[in-house]
C-alpha cells in the first residue's frame, strides 16, 4: 500500500487521517503520527498498520487512565477496572498499568499512605475500617499492612478516637433530656466501632471520658 493523502481531522484537530491507494486507512493521534514519520508517497505494510493500531489503543487507554487520575489518586485495580468498563482488552490494560507504574503515576503503596493520612484528617477511621476500605479499592494486603504500620506509627490513635468520641458526645448532648451515661457509653462505643476502632482503643476512650463500665457493651 502507498500513502496517498494525510490530512488533519476537522472535528479532532489533534488527529490526522491517513489514506492509502486513495482510500481511508487509519486515524492517528499526532503523537503517533509524528513518531511513525509517515509521508505521502511512503509504502506501508499491513503489519505496520496493525502496529499503529495497537499504539493508538495504548495511547487511548493511557489518556483515559490519566483523566481518571486527574480527578483523584487511584489504586492500580481501580484503573484496571475502569479501563475494563471502557472495553479495553486485558493486554492493553496490563501494558497501561505497567507504564503508569513505571512512570510513578500509579503507586499502590503511596496511594495507601495518602488514603490513610487523608482519612485521619478529614474523617478519622480506625485501623480495621481503613484496612477494609483499602482492600475494597484493590490494594494488596501486604501493601496495606506496611502502609498502616508506617502511617500510624506516629499517630496517637486513642487520642484521635477520643476527639471523635467527644465530637459525637456533643451531638448526643443536644438531644432532649438529661444524659444517661449508660446509653451514652453504648452509643459512643457503637459509633467508634463503626469507624473501625478496636475494643482496646474504645475501652481506653471510654475510660478517659469517665464512661467505662468494665464490660463490653455487647455483653449487656
N, C-alpha and C. Protein backbone atom coordinates (compact mmCIF):
# COMPACT_ATOMS: atom_id res chain seq x y z
N UNK A 1 0.85 -1.20 0.00
CA UNK A 1 0.00 0.00 0.00
C UNK A 1 0.88 1.25 0.00
N UNK A 2 0.40 2.27 -0.71
CA UNK A 2 1.14 3.52 -0.75
C UNK A 2 0.27 4.65 -0.19
N UNK A 3 0.84 5.42 0.72
CA UNK A 3 0.11 6.55 1.32
C UNK A 3 -0.11 7.62 0.26
N UNK A 4 -1.39 7.96 0.07
CA UNK A 4 -1.73 8.93 -0.98
C UNK A 4 -2.21 10.28 -0.42
N UNK A 5 -2.60 10.30 0.85
CA UNK A 5 -3.05 11.57 1.42
C UNK A 5 -2.99 11.51 2.94
N UNK A 6 -2.61 12.62 3.56
CA UNK A 6 -2.63 12.77 5.01
C UNK A 6 -3.28 14.11 5.32
N UNK A 7 -4.33 14.13 6.14
CA UNK A 7 -5.00 15.40 6.43
C UNK A 7 -5.44 15.46 7.89
N UNK A 8 -5.50 16.67 8.42
CA UNK A 8 -5.99 16.87 9.78
C UNK A 8 -7.48 16.57 9.83
N UNK A 9 -7.89 15.94 10.92
CA UNK A 9 -9.32 15.69 11.10
C UNK A 9 -10.01 16.97 11.56
N UNK A 10 -11.14 17.28 10.97
CA UNK A 10 -11.82 18.55 11.25
C UNK A 10 -12.39 18.59 12.67
N UNK A 11 -12.98 17.50 13.12
CA UNK A 11 -13.63 17.50 14.43
C UNK A 11 -12.64 17.29 15.57
N UNK A 12 -11.52 16.65 15.27
CA UNK A 12 -10.50 16.41 16.30
C UNK A 12 -9.15 16.85 15.73
N UNK A 13 -8.82 18.12 15.90
CA UNK A 13 -7.61 18.68 15.27
C UNK A 13 -6.30 18.07 15.76
N UNK A 14 -6.34 17.33 16.87
CA UNK A 14 -5.10 16.69 17.33
C UNK A 14 -4.92 15.31 16.71
N UNK A 15 -5.71 15.00 15.69
CA UNK A 15 -5.62 13.71 15.00
C UNK A 15 -5.53 13.94 13.49
N UNK A 16 -4.97 12.94 12.81
CA UNK A 16 -4.88 13.00 11.35
C UNK A 16 -5.49 11.74 10.75
N UNK A 17 -5.95 11.87 9.52
CA UNK A 17 -6.45 10.71 8.76
C UNK A 17 -5.43 10.37 7.70
N UNK A 18 -5.11 9.11 7.61
CA UNK A 18 -4.12 8.64 6.62
C UNK A 18 -4.86 7.81 5.57
N UNK A 19 -4.59 8.12 4.31
CA UNK A 19 -5.21 7.41 3.18
C UNK A 19 -4.13 6.65 2.42
N UNK A 20 -4.49 5.46 1.97
CA UNK A 20 -3.56 4.66 1.16
C UNK A 20 -4.29 4.19 -0.09
N UNK A 21 -3.64 4.34 -1.22
CA UNK A 21 -4.24 3.95 -2.51
C UNK A 21 -5.61 4.60 -2.71
N UNK A 22 -5.75 5.84 -2.22
CA UNK A 22 -6.97 6.62 -2.43
C UNK A 22 -8.08 6.34 -1.45
N UNK A 23 -7.87 5.44 -0.47
CA UNK A 23 -8.92 5.10 0.49
C UNK A 23 -8.42 5.34 1.92
N UNK A 24 -9.39 5.66 2.81
CA UNK A 24 -9.04 5.87 4.22
C UNK A 24 -8.38 4.62 4.78
N UNK A 25 -7.27 4.81 5.48
CA UNK A 25 -6.54 3.67 6.04
C UNK A 25 -6.63 3.63 7.56
N UNK A 26 -6.30 4.76 8.21
CA UNK A 26 -6.26 4.76 9.67
C UNK A 26 -6.28 6.19 10.19
N UNK A 27 -6.89 6.36 11.37
CA UNK A 27 -6.84 7.64 12.07
C UNK A 27 -5.78 7.55 13.15
N UNK A 28 -4.94 8.60 13.24
CA UNK A 28 -3.84 8.57 14.21
C UNK A 28 -3.80 9.85 15.02
N UNK A 29 -3.39 9.72 16.29
CA UNK A 29 -3.08 10.91 17.06
C UNK A 29 -1.83 11.53 16.44
N UNK A 30 -1.67 12.84 16.60
CA UNK A 30 -0.49 13.47 16.03
C UNK A 30 0.78 12.95 16.69
N UNK A 31 0.65 12.54 17.96
CA UNK A 31 1.81 11.97 18.66
C UNK A 31 2.32 10.73 17.95
N UNK A 32 1.42 9.79 17.66
CA UNK A 32 1.83 8.57 16.98
C UNK A 32 2.17 8.81 15.51
N UNK A 33 1.50 9.76 14.91
CA UNK A 33 1.79 10.10 13.52
C UNK A 33 3.22 10.62 13.38
N UNK A 34 3.61 11.52 14.28
CA UNK A 34 4.96 12.07 14.22
C UNK A 34 6.01 11.01 14.53
N UNK A 35 5.70 10.14 15.48
CA UNK A 35 6.64 9.07 15.81
C UNK A 35 6.85 8.14 14.63
N UNK A 36 5.78 7.89 13.89
CA UNK A 36 5.87 6.97 12.75
C UNK A 36 6.59 7.61 11.57
N UNK A 37 6.59 8.93 11.50
CA UNK A 37 7.27 9.63 10.41
C UNK A 37 6.66 9.36 9.05
N UNK A 38 5.35 9.24 9.00
CA UNK A 38 4.68 8.93 7.74
C UNK A 38 4.64 10.14 6.81
N UNK A 39 4.79 9.86 5.50
CA UNK A 39 4.72 10.92 4.49
C UNK A 39 3.97 10.39 3.28
N UNK A 40 3.36 11.31 2.56
CA UNK A 40 2.70 10.93 1.32
C UNK A 40 3.73 10.33 0.37
N UNK A 41 3.37 9.20 -0.21
CA UNK A 41 4.27 8.51 -1.12
C UNK A 41 4.96 7.32 -0.48
N UNK A 42 4.93 7.25 0.88
CA UNK A 42 5.56 6.11 1.56
C UNK A 42 4.78 4.83 1.34
N UNK A 43 5.51 3.73 1.25
CA UNK A 43 4.86 2.42 1.27
C UNK A 43 4.59 2.04 2.72
N UNK A 44 3.46 1.42 2.97
CA UNK A 44 3.12 0.99 4.34
C UNK A 44 2.52 -0.41 4.29
N UNK A 45 3.02 -1.29 5.13
CA UNK A 45 2.55 -2.67 5.14
C UNK A 45 1.38 -2.85 6.09
N UNK A 46 0.68 -3.96 5.94
CA UNK A 46 -0.43 -4.28 6.84
C UNK A 46 0.10 -4.46 8.26
N UNK A 47 1.28 -5.04 8.40
CA UNK A 47 1.87 -5.22 9.73
C UNK A 47 2.13 -3.88 10.40
N UNK A 48 2.58 -2.90 9.61
CA UNK A 48 2.83 -1.56 10.16
C UNK A 48 1.52 -0.90 10.59
N UNK A 49 0.47 -1.12 9.82
CA UNK A 49 -0.85 -0.57 10.17
C UNK A 49 -1.34 -1.20 11.48
N UNK A 50 -1.16 -2.52 11.60
CA UNK A 50 -1.58 -3.21 12.82
C UNK A 50 -0.80 -2.68 14.03
N UNK A 51 0.48 -2.42 13.85
CA UNK A 51 1.29 -1.88 14.93
C UNK A 51 0.81 -0.49 15.33
N UNK A 52 0.49 0.34 14.34
CA UNK A 52 -0.02 1.68 14.63
C UNK A 52 -1.36 1.62 15.34
N UNK A 53 -2.19 0.64 14.95
CA UNK A 53 -3.49 0.47 15.61
C UNK A 53 -3.29 0.11 17.09
N UNK A 54 -2.32 -0.77 17.37
CA UNK A 54 -2.03 -1.14 18.76
C UNK A 54 -1.52 0.07 19.54
N UNK A 55 -0.68 0.87 18.90
CA UNK A 55 -0.15 2.07 19.56
C UNK A 55 -1.29 3.05 19.88
N UNK A 56 -2.22 3.16 18.96
CA UNK A 56 -3.36 4.06 19.18
C UNK A 56 -4.22 3.58 20.35
N UNK A 57 -4.41 2.27 20.42
CA UNK A 57 -5.21 1.71 21.52
C UNK A 57 -4.52 1.96 22.86
N UNK A 58 -3.20 1.76 22.90
CA UNK A 58 -2.44 2.01 24.13
C UNK A 58 -2.50 3.48 24.53
N UNK A 59 -2.38 4.36 23.57
CA UNK A 59 -2.43 5.79 23.87
C UNK A 59 -3.81 6.19 24.38
N UNK A 60 -4.84 5.62 23.77
CA UNK A 60 -6.20 5.91 24.20
C UNK A 60 -6.44 5.44 25.63
N UNK A 61 -5.93 4.24 25.95
CA UNK A 61 -6.09 3.71 27.31
C UNK A 61 -5.32 4.55 28.31
N UNK A 62 -4.11 4.95 27.94
CA UNK A 62 -3.30 5.78 28.85
C UNK A 62 -3.98 7.12 29.10
N UNK A 63 -4.51 7.73 28.05
CA UNK A 63 -5.19 9.02 28.22
C UNK A 63 -6.44 8.88 29.09
N UNK A 64 -7.15 7.76 28.92
CA UNK A 64 -8.34 7.51 29.76
C UNK A 64 -7.92 7.37 31.22
N UNK A 65 -6.82 6.65 31.47
CA UNK A 65 -6.32 6.48 32.83
C UNK A 65 -5.86 7.81 33.42
N UNK A 66 -5.20 8.62 32.62
CA UNK A 66 -4.72 9.92 33.12
C UNK A 66 -5.88 10.84 33.48
N UNK A 67 -6.96 10.75 32.71
CA UNK A 67 -8.14 11.57 33.06
C UNK A 67 -8.72 11.14 34.40
N UNK A 68 -8.71 9.85 34.67
CA UNK A 68 -9.20 9.34 35.96
C UNK A 68 -8.28 9.80 37.09
N UNK A 69 -6.98 9.75 36.86
CA UNK A 69 -6.02 10.15 37.90
C UNK A 69 -6.03 11.65 38.14
N UNK A 70 -6.48 12.41 37.14
CA UNK A 70 -6.56 13.87 37.31
C UNK A 70 -7.67 14.25 38.29
N UNK A 71 -8.67 13.37 38.43
CA UNK A 71 -9.78 13.62 39.35
C UNK A 71 -9.34 13.34 40.79
N UNK A 72 -8.68 12.20 40.99
CA UNK A 72 -8.16 11.83 42.32
C UNK A 72 -7.19 10.66 42.15
N UNK A 73 -6.30 10.46 43.13
CA UNK A 73 -5.42 9.29 43.07
C UNK A 73 -6.24 8.01 43.09
N UNK A 74 -5.72 6.98 42.46
CA UNK A 74 -6.44 5.70 42.41
C UNK A 74 -5.45 4.54 42.53
N UNK A 75 -5.97 3.40 42.94
CA UNK A 75 -5.15 2.19 43.02
C UNK A 75 -5.02 1.59 41.62
N UNK A 76 -4.07 0.68 41.48
CA UNK A 76 -3.89 0.00 40.20
C UNK A 76 -5.17 -0.73 39.81
N UNK A 77 -5.80 -1.38 40.77
CA UNK A 77 -7.01 -2.15 40.46
C UNK A 77 -8.15 -1.23 40.01
N UNK A 78 -8.25 -0.07 40.63
CA UNK A 78 -9.29 0.87 40.22
C UNK A 78 -9.11 1.27 38.76
N UNK A 79 -7.88 1.58 38.38
CA UNK A 79 -7.60 1.96 37.00
C UNK A 79 -7.91 0.80 36.05
N UNK A 80 -7.44 -0.39 36.41
CA UNK A 80 -7.68 -1.56 35.56
C UNK A 80 -9.18 -1.82 35.40
N UNK A 81 -9.92 -1.73 36.49
CA UNK A 81 -11.37 -1.98 36.42
C UNK A 81 -12.07 -0.95 35.55
N UNK A 82 -11.67 0.32 35.68
CA UNK A 82 -12.31 1.36 34.88
C UNK A 82 -11.99 1.20 33.39
N UNK A 83 -10.77 0.75 33.09
CA UNK A 83 -10.42 0.52 31.69
C UNK A 83 -11.20 -0.67 31.13
N UNK A 84 -11.45 -1.67 31.96
CA UNK A 84 -12.29 -2.79 31.51
C UNK A 84 -13.70 -2.31 31.19
N UNK A 85 -14.20 -1.39 32.02
CA UNK A 85 -15.53 -0.82 31.76
C UNK A 85 -15.57 -0.13 30.41
N UNK A 86 -14.42 0.42 30.01
CA UNK A 86 -14.33 1.11 28.72
C UNK A 86 -14.00 0.13 27.59
N UNK A 87 -13.97 -1.17 27.93
CA UNK A 87 -13.83 -2.27 26.97
C UNK A 87 -12.45 -2.33 26.31
N UNK A 88 -11.42 -1.94 27.04
CA UNK A 88 -10.07 -2.20 26.56
C UNK A 88 -9.73 -3.66 26.85
N UNK A 89 -8.91 -4.26 26.01
CA UNK A 89 -8.54 -5.66 26.20
C UNK A 89 -7.50 -5.79 27.32
N UNK A 90 -7.37 -6.99 27.85
CA UNK A 90 -6.51 -7.23 29.01
C UNK A 90 -5.04 -6.90 28.74
N UNK A 91 -4.57 -7.19 27.54
CA UNK A 91 -3.18 -6.89 27.22
C UNK A 91 -2.92 -5.39 27.26
N UNK A 92 -3.86 -4.63 26.72
CA UNK A 92 -3.74 -3.17 26.73
C UNK A 92 -3.80 -2.63 28.16
N UNK A 93 -4.71 -3.18 28.95
CA UNK A 93 -4.85 -2.74 30.34
C UNK A 93 -3.56 -3.02 31.12
N UNK A 94 -3.03 -4.23 30.96
CA UNK A 94 -1.80 -4.60 31.67
C UNK A 94 -0.64 -3.70 31.27
N UNK A 95 -0.52 -3.43 29.97
CA UNK A 95 0.57 -2.57 29.49
C UNK A 95 0.41 -1.14 29.99
N UNK A 96 -0.83 -0.67 30.07
CA UNK A 96 -1.09 0.70 30.53
C UNK A 96 -0.76 0.84 32.01
N UNK A 97 -1.21 -0.11 32.80
CA UNK A 97 -0.92 -0.08 34.24
C UNK A 97 0.58 -0.14 34.49
N UNK A 98 1.27 -1.02 33.75
CA UNK A 98 2.71 -1.15 33.90
C UNK A 98 3.43 0.15 33.54
N UNK A 99 2.98 0.79 32.46
CA UNK A 99 3.58 2.06 32.03
C UNK A 99 3.38 3.15 33.07
N UNK A 100 2.18 3.24 33.62
CA UNK A 100 1.89 4.26 34.63
C UNK A 100 2.63 3.97 35.93
N UNK A 101 2.79 2.70 36.24
CA UNK A 101 3.55 2.34 37.45
C UNK A 101 5.02 2.72 37.27
N UNK A 102 5.56 2.43 36.09
CA UNK A 102 6.97 2.73 35.83
C UNK A 102 7.25 4.23 35.86
N UNK A 103 6.27 5.02 35.47
CA UNK A 103 6.45 6.48 35.47
C UNK A 103 6.10 7.11 36.81
N UNK A 104 5.67 6.28 37.77
CA UNK A 104 5.35 6.78 39.10
C UNK A 104 3.97 7.36 39.25
N UNK A 105 3.17 7.26 38.20
CA UNK A 105 1.81 7.82 38.26
C UNK A 105 0.85 6.86 38.96
N UNK A 106 1.22 5.60 39.04
CA UNK A 106 0.45 4.61 39.81
C UNK A 106 1.40 4.01 40.84
N UNK A 107 0.99 4.05 42.09
CA UNK A 107 1.83 3.53 43.17
C UNK A 107 0.92 3.16 44.32
N UNK A 108 0.63 1.88 44.44
CA UNK A 108 -0.31 1.44 45.47
C UNK A 108 0.16 1.77 46.88
N UNK A 109 1.46 1.69 47.13
CA UNK A 109 1.98 1.99 48.47
C UNK A 109 1.76 3.47 48.79
N UNK A 110 2.10 4.34 47.85
CA UNK A 110 1.89 5.77 48.05
C UNK A 110 0.43 6.12 48.15
N UNK A 111 -0.39 5.44 47.32
CA UNK A 111 -1.83 5.66 47.36
C UNK A 111 -2.39 5.30 48.73
N UNK A 112 -1.96 4.15 49.27
CA UNK A 112 -2.46 3.70 50.58
C UNK A 112 -2.07 4.66 51.68
N UNK A 113 -0.82 5.12 51.67
CA UNK A 113 -0.37 6.06 52.70
C UNK A 113 -1.17 7.37 52.63
N UNK A 114 -1.37 7.88 51.42
CA UNK A 114 -2.12 9.12 51.25
C UNK A 114 -3.57 8.94 51.68
N UNK A 115 -4.15 7.79 51.36
CA UNK A 115 -5.54 7.50 51.74
C UNK A 115 -5.68 7.51 53.26
N UNK A 116 -4.73 6.88 53.94
CA UNK A 116 -4.78 6.81 55.41
C UNK A 116 -4.63 8.20 56.01
N UNK A 117 -3.66 8.97 55.51
CA UNK A 117 -3.46 10.32 56.04
C UNK A 117 -4.70 11.19 55.83
N UNK A 118 -5.28 11.11 54.65
CA UNK A 118 -6.48 11.91 54.37
C UNK A 118 -7.64 11.49 55.26
N UNK A 119 -7.78 10.17 55.45
CA UNK A 119 -8.87 9.68 56.29
C UNK A 119 -8.71 10.17 57.73
N UNK A 120 -7.49 10.15 58.23
CA UNK A 120 -7.25 10.61 59.60
C UNK A 120 -7.52 12.10 59.76
N UNK A 121 -7.32 12.85 58.69
CA UNK A 121 -7.52 14.29 58.74
C UNK A 121 -8.98 14.68 58.53
N UNK A 122 -9.61 14.07 57.53
CA UNK A 122 -10.95 14.50 57.13
C UNK A 122 -12.06 13.79 57.89
N UNK A 123 -11.91 12.50 58.11
CA UNK A 123 -12.95 11.73 58.80
C UNK A 123 -12.27 10.54 59.47
N UNK A 124 -11.75 10.77 60.68
CA UNK A 124 -10.94 9.75 61.34
C UNK A 124 -11.60 8.37 61.37
N UNK A 125 -10.82 7.38 60.98
CA UNK A 125 -11.26 6.00 60.98
C UNK A 125 -10.25 5.14 61.72
N UNK A 126 -10.72 4.05 62.28
CA UNK A 126 -9.82 3.12 62.94
C UNK A 126 -9.13 2.22 61.94
N UNK A 127 -8.17 1.47 62.43
CA UNK A 127 -7.35 0.63 61.55
C UNK A 127 -8.18 -0.40 60.80
N UNK A 128 -9.17 -0.99 61.44
CA UNK A 128 -9.97 -2.02 60.78
C UNK A 128 -10.75 -1.45 59.60
N UNK A 129 -11.31 -0.26 59.78
CA UNK A 129 -12.07 0.36 58.71
C UNK A 129 -11.16 0.83 57.58
N UNK A 130 -9.99 1.36 57.94
CA UNK A 130 -9.02 1.77 56.92
C UNK A 130 -8.59 0.56 56.09
N UNK A 131 -8.33 -0.54 56.78
CA UNK A 131 -7.93 -1.77 56.08
C UNK A 131 -9.04 -2.24 55.14
N UNK A 132 -10.28 -2.22 55.62
CA UNK A 132 -11.40 -2.70 54.81
C UNK A 132 -11.58 -1.85 53.56
N UNK A 133 -11.51 -0.53 53.72
CA UNK A 133 -11.69 0.36 52.58
C UNK A 133 -10.59 0.18 51.54
N UNK A 134 -9.36 0.03 52.00
CA UNK A 134 -8.25 -0.15 51.07
C UNK A 134 -8.33 -1.50 50.35
N UNK A 135 -8.78 -2.52 51.05
CA UNK A 135 -8.98 -3.82 50.40
C UNK A 135 -10.05 -3.72 49.32
N UNK A 136 -11.11 -2.97 49.61
CA UNK A 136 -12.18 -2.79 48.62
C UNK A 136 -11.68 -2.03 47.39
N UNK A 137 -10.67 -1.18 47.60
CA UNK A 137 -10.09 -0.43 46.48
C UNK A 137 -9.04 -1.24 45.74
N UNK A 138 -8.83 -2.47 46.18
CA UNK A 138 -7.94 -3.37 45.45
C UNK A 138 -6.49 -3.30 45.82
N UNK A 139 -6.16 -2.63 46.92
CA UNK A 139 -4.76 -2.56 47.35
C UNK A 139 -4.38 -3.89 47.99
N UNK A 140 -3.25 -4.48 47.60
CA UNK A 140 -2.84 -5.76 48.19
C UNK A 140 -2.67 -5.67 49.70
N UNK A 141 -3.00 -6.78 50.38
CA UNK A 141 -2.95 -6.81 51.84
C UNK A 141 -1.57 -6.46 52.39
N UNK A 142 -0.52 -6.99 51.77
CA UNK A 142 0.82 -6.71 52.27
C UNK A 142 1.16 -5.22 52.17
N UNK A 143 0.68 -4.59 51.11
CA UNK A 143 0.91 -3.15 50.93
C UNK A 143 0.15 -2.36 51.99
N UNK A 144 -1.07 -2.80 52.28
CA UNK A 144 -1.89 -2.14 53.30
C UNK A 144 -1.23 -2.26 54.67
N UNK A 145 -0.76 -3.46 54.99
CA UNK A 145 -0.12 -3.69 56.30
C UNK A 145 1.05 -2.74 56.50
N UNK A 146 1.89 -2.62 55.49
CA UNK A 146 3.06 -1.76 55.59
C UNK A 146 2.66 -0.29 55.69
N UNK A 147 1.67 0.10 54.90
CA UNK A 147 1.21 1.50 54.92
C UNK A 147 0.62 1.85 56.28
N UNK A 148 -0.12 0.94 56.87
CA UNK A 148 -0.71 1.19 58.19
C UNK A 148 0.37 1.30 59.25
N UNK A 149 1.35 0.38 59.19
CA UNK A 149 2.44 0.43 60.17
C UNK A 149 3.19 1.75 60.06
N UNK A 150 3.50 2.12 58.84
CA UNK A 150 4.30 3.34 58.63
C UNK A 150 3.53 4.60 58.99
N UNK A 151 2.27 4.67 58.56
CA UNK A 151 1.49 5.90 58.75
C UNK A 151 0.98 6.07 60.17
N UNK A 152 0.58 4.97 60.80
CA UNK A 152 0.02 5.06 62.14
C UNK A 152 1.07 5.06 63.25
N UNK A 153 2.33 4.79 62.89
CA UNK A 153 3.38 4.71 63.91
C UNK A 153 3.54 6.02 64.67
N UNK A 154 3.30 7.14 64.00
CA UNK A 154 3.44 8.43 64.67
C UNK A 154 2.12 9.06 65.07
N UNK A 155 1.06 8.26 65.07
CA UNK A 155 -0.28 8.77 65.38
C UNK A 155 -0.75 8.22 66.72
N UNK A 156 -1.26 9.09 67.57
CA UNK A 156 -1.87 8.65 68.82
C UNK A 156 -3.32 8.27 68.50
N UNK A 157 -3.50 6.99 68.19
CA UNK A 157 -4.81 6.51 67.73
C UNK A 157 -5.88 6.72 68.79
N UNK A 158 -5.52 6.48 70.05
CA UNK A 158 -6.50 6.66 71.13
C UNK A 158 -6.95 8.12 71.20
N UNK A 159 -6.03 9.05 71.04
CA UNK A 159 -6.39 10.46 71.10
C UNK A 159 -7.27 10.86 69.91
N UNK A 160 -6.96 10.32 68.74
CA UNK A 160 -7.79 10.61 67.56
C UNK A 160 -9.20 10.08 67.79
N UNK A 161 -9.28 8.85 68.32
CA UNK A 161 -10.59 8.26 68.60
C UNK A 161 -11.31 9.04 69.69
N UNK A 162 -10.54 9.52 70.67
CA UNK A 162 -11.13 10.30 71.78
C UNK A 162 -11.75 11.59 71.26
N UNK A 163 -11.07 12.28 70.35
CA UNK A 163 -11.62 13.51 69.79
C UNK A 163 -12.88 13.22 68.97
N UNK A 164 -12.86 12.09 68.29
CA UNK A 164 -14.06 11.67 67.54
C UNK A 164 -15.21 11.43 68.50
N UNK A 165 -14.92 10.77 69.61
CA UNK A 165 -15.96 10.48 70.61
C UNK A 165 -16.48 11.76 71.25
N UNK A 166 -15.60 12.69 71.52
CA UNK A 166 -16.02 13.96 72.15
C UNK A 166 -16.97 14.71 71.21
N UNK A 167 -16.62 14.76 69.93
CA UNK A 167 -17.48 15.46 68.96
C UNK A 167 -18.84 14.77 68.87
N UNK A 168 -18.82 13.44 68.90
CA UNK A 168 -20.08 12.70 68.82
C UNK A 168 -20.90 12.90 70.10
N UNK A 169 -20.22 12.94 71.23
CA UNK A 169 -20.93 13.13 72.51
C UNK A 169 -21.60 14.50 72.55
N UNK A 170 -20.95 15.50 71.98
CA UNK A 170 -21.55 16.84 71.93
C UNK A 170 -22.88 16.80 71.19
N UNK A 171 -22.92 16.03 70.11
CA UNK A 171 -24.17 15.92 69.36
C UNK A 171 -25.24 15.22 70.19
N UNK A 172 -24.83 14.21 70.95
CA UNK A 172 -25.78 13.49 71.79
C UNK A 172 -26.35 14.40 72.88
N UNK A 173 -25.52 15.32 73.39
CA UNK A 173 -25.97 16.20 74.47
C UNK A 173 -27.01 17.21 74.00
N UNK A 174 -27.14 17.36 72.68
CA UNK A 174 -28.14 18.27 72.15
C UNK A 174 -29.53 17.63 72.08
N UNK A 175 -29.60 16.33 72.38
CA UNK A 175 -30.91 15.67 72.39
C UNK A 175 -31.63 16.01 73.69
N UNK A 176 -32.97 16.04 73.67
CA UNK A 176 -33.73 16.42 74.87
C UNK A 176 -33.49 15.47 76.04
N UNK A 177 -33.56 16.02 77.25
CA UNK A 177 -33.45 15.21 78.46
C UNK A 177 -32.04 15.11 78.98
N UNK A 178 -31.89 14.67 80.22
CA UNK A 178 -30.57 14.54 80.84
C UNK A 178 -29.77 13.41 80.21
N UNK A 179 -28.46 13.50 80.32
CA UNK A 179 -27.60 12.47 79.74
C UNK A 179 -27.69 11.19 80.56
N UNK A 180 -27.88 10.08 79.89
CA UNK A 180 -27.86 8.77 80.52
C UNK A 180 -26.49 8.16 80.22
N UNK A 181 -25.58 8.12 81.23
CA UNK A 181 -24.21 7.64 80.97
C UNK A 181 -24.15 6.29 80.29
N UNK A 182 -25.05 5.39 80.70
CA UNK A 182 -25.03 4.05 80.12
C UNK A 182 -25.36 4.10 78.62
N UNK A 183 -26.41 4.86 78.27
CA UNK A 183 -26.77 4.97 76.86
C UNK A 183 -25.70 5.71 76.07
N UNK A 184 -25.15 6.74 76.70
CA UNK A 184 -24.08 7.49 76.03
C UNK A 184 -22.88 6.59 75.76
N UNK A 185 -22.52 5.78 76.77
CA UNK A 185 -21.39 4.86 76.62
C UNK A 185 -21.63 3.90 75.46
N UNK A 186 -22.84 3.31 75.40
CA UNK A 186 -23.14 2.35 74.35
C UNK A 186 -23.15 3.00 72.97
N UNK A 187 -23.70 4.21 72.90
CA UNK A 187 -23.75 4.91 71.60
C UNK A 187 -22.37 5.29 71.12
N UNK A 188 -21.53 5.76 72.04
CA UNK A 188 -20.16 6.12 71.66
C UNK A 188 -19.39 4.86 71.26
N UNK A 189 -19.57 3.78 72.01
CA UNK A 189 -18.90 2.52 71.66
C UNK A 189 -19.29 2.07 70.26
N UNK A 190 -20.59 2.11 69.97
CA UNK A 190 -21.07 1.68 68.66
C UNK A 190 -20.55 2.60 67.56
N UNK A 191 -20.51 3.89 67.85
CA UNK A 191 -20.03 4.87 66.86
C UNK A 191 -18.56 4.61 66.53
N UNK A 192 -17.75 4.40 67.54
CA UNK A 192 -16.32 4.15 67.31
C UNK A 192 -16.10 2.79 66.63
N UNK A 193 -16.92 1.83 66.98
CA UNK A 193 -16.80 0.51 66.34
C UNK A 193 -17.11 0.61 64.85
N UNK A 194 -18.13 1.39 64.51
CA UNK A 194 -18.46 1.58 63.09
C UNK A 194 -17.32 2.26 62.35
N UNK A 195 -16.58 3.09 63.06
CA UNK A 195 -15.44 3.77 62.44
C UNK A 195 -14.22 2.85 62.33
N UNK A 196 -14.32 1.65 62.87
CA UNK A 196 -13.24 0.68 62.71
C UNK A 196 -12.22 0.64 63.83
N UNK A 197 -12.56 1.20 65.00
CA UNK A 197 -11.62 1.17 66.12
C UNK A 197 -11.76 -0.15 66.88
N UNK A 198 -10.64 -0.63 67.40
CA UNK A 198 -10.65 -1.88 68.16
C UNK A 198 -11.27 -1.63 69.53
N UNK A 199 -11.68 -2.75 70.19
CA UNK A 199 -12.26 -2.60 71.52
C UNK A 199 -11.23 -2.07 72.52
N UNK A 200 -9.96 -2.38 72.31
CA UNK A 200 -8.92 -1.86 73.20
C UNK A 200 -8.90 -0.33 73.16
N UNK A 201 -8.97 0.21 71.94
CA UNK A 201 -8.98 1.66 71.78
C UNK A 201 -10.27 2.26 72.34
N UNK A 202 -11.39 1.62 72.04
CA UNK A 202 -12.69 2.11 72.52
C UNK A 202 -12.71 2.14 74.04
N UNK A 203 -12.22 1.08 74.65
CA UNK A 203 -12.20 1.00 76.11
C UNK A 203 -11.36 2.12 76.72
N UNK A 204 -10.20 2.40 76.09
CA UNK A 204 -9.34 3.48 76.58
C UNK A 204 -10.04 4.83 76.47
N UNK A 205 -10.78 5.02 75.38
CA UNK A 205 -11.51 6.28 75.18
C UNK A 205 -12.61 6.42 76.22
N UNK A 206 -13.35 5.36 76.46
CA UNK A 206 -14.43 5.42 77.45
C UNK A 206 -13.87 5.74 78.84
N UNK A 207 -12.73 5.15 79.16
CA UNK A 207 -12.11 5.44 80.46
C UNK A 207 -11.72 6.91 80.56
N UNK A 208 -11.17 7.45 79.50
CA UNK A 208 -10.75 8.85 79.53
C UNK A 208 -11.93 9.80 79.65
N UNK A 209 -13.09 9.33 79.18
CA UNK A 209 -14.31 10.16 79.27
C UNK A 209 -15.13 9.81 80.51
N UNK A 210 -14.58 8.94 81.37
CA UNK A 210 -15.26 8.50 82.60
C UNK A 210 -16.59 7.83 82.30
N UNK A 211 -16.58 7.04 81.23
CA UNK A 211 -17.79 6.31 80.84
C UNK A 211 -17.56 4.80 80.89
N UNK A 212 -16.39 4.39 81.36
CA UNK A 212 -16.08 2.95 81.36
C UNK A 212 -17.01 2.22 82.32
N UNK A 213 -17.35 0.99 81.92
CA UNK A 213 -18.29 0.20 82.72
C UNK A 213 -17.67 -1.13 83.07
N UNK A 214 -16.50 -1.39 82.50
CA UNK A 214 -15.82 -2.65 82.84
C UNK A 214 -16.27 -3.85 82.05
N UNK A 215 -17.13 -3.63 81.04
CA UNK A 215 -17.55 -4.78 80.24
C UNK A 215 -17.84 -4.31 78.83
N UNK A 216 -17.75 -5.24 77.91
CA UNK A 216 -18.02 -4.93 76.51
C UNK A 216 -19.51 -4.65 76.37
N UNK A 217 -19.93 -3.61 75.64
CA UNK A 217 -21.33 -3.28 75.51
C UNK A 217 -22.15 -4.42 74.92
N UNK A 218 -21.53 -5.27 74.11
CA UNK A 218 -22.27 -6.38 73.53
C UNK A 218 -22.64 -7.41 74.57
N UNK A 219 -21.97 -7.37 75.73
CA UNK A 219 -22.26 -8.34 76.77
C UNK A 219 -23.49 -7.98 77.59
N UNK A 220 -24.00 -6.78 77.38
CA UNK A 220 -25.12 -6.33 78.22
C UNK A 220 -26.46 -6.84 77.68
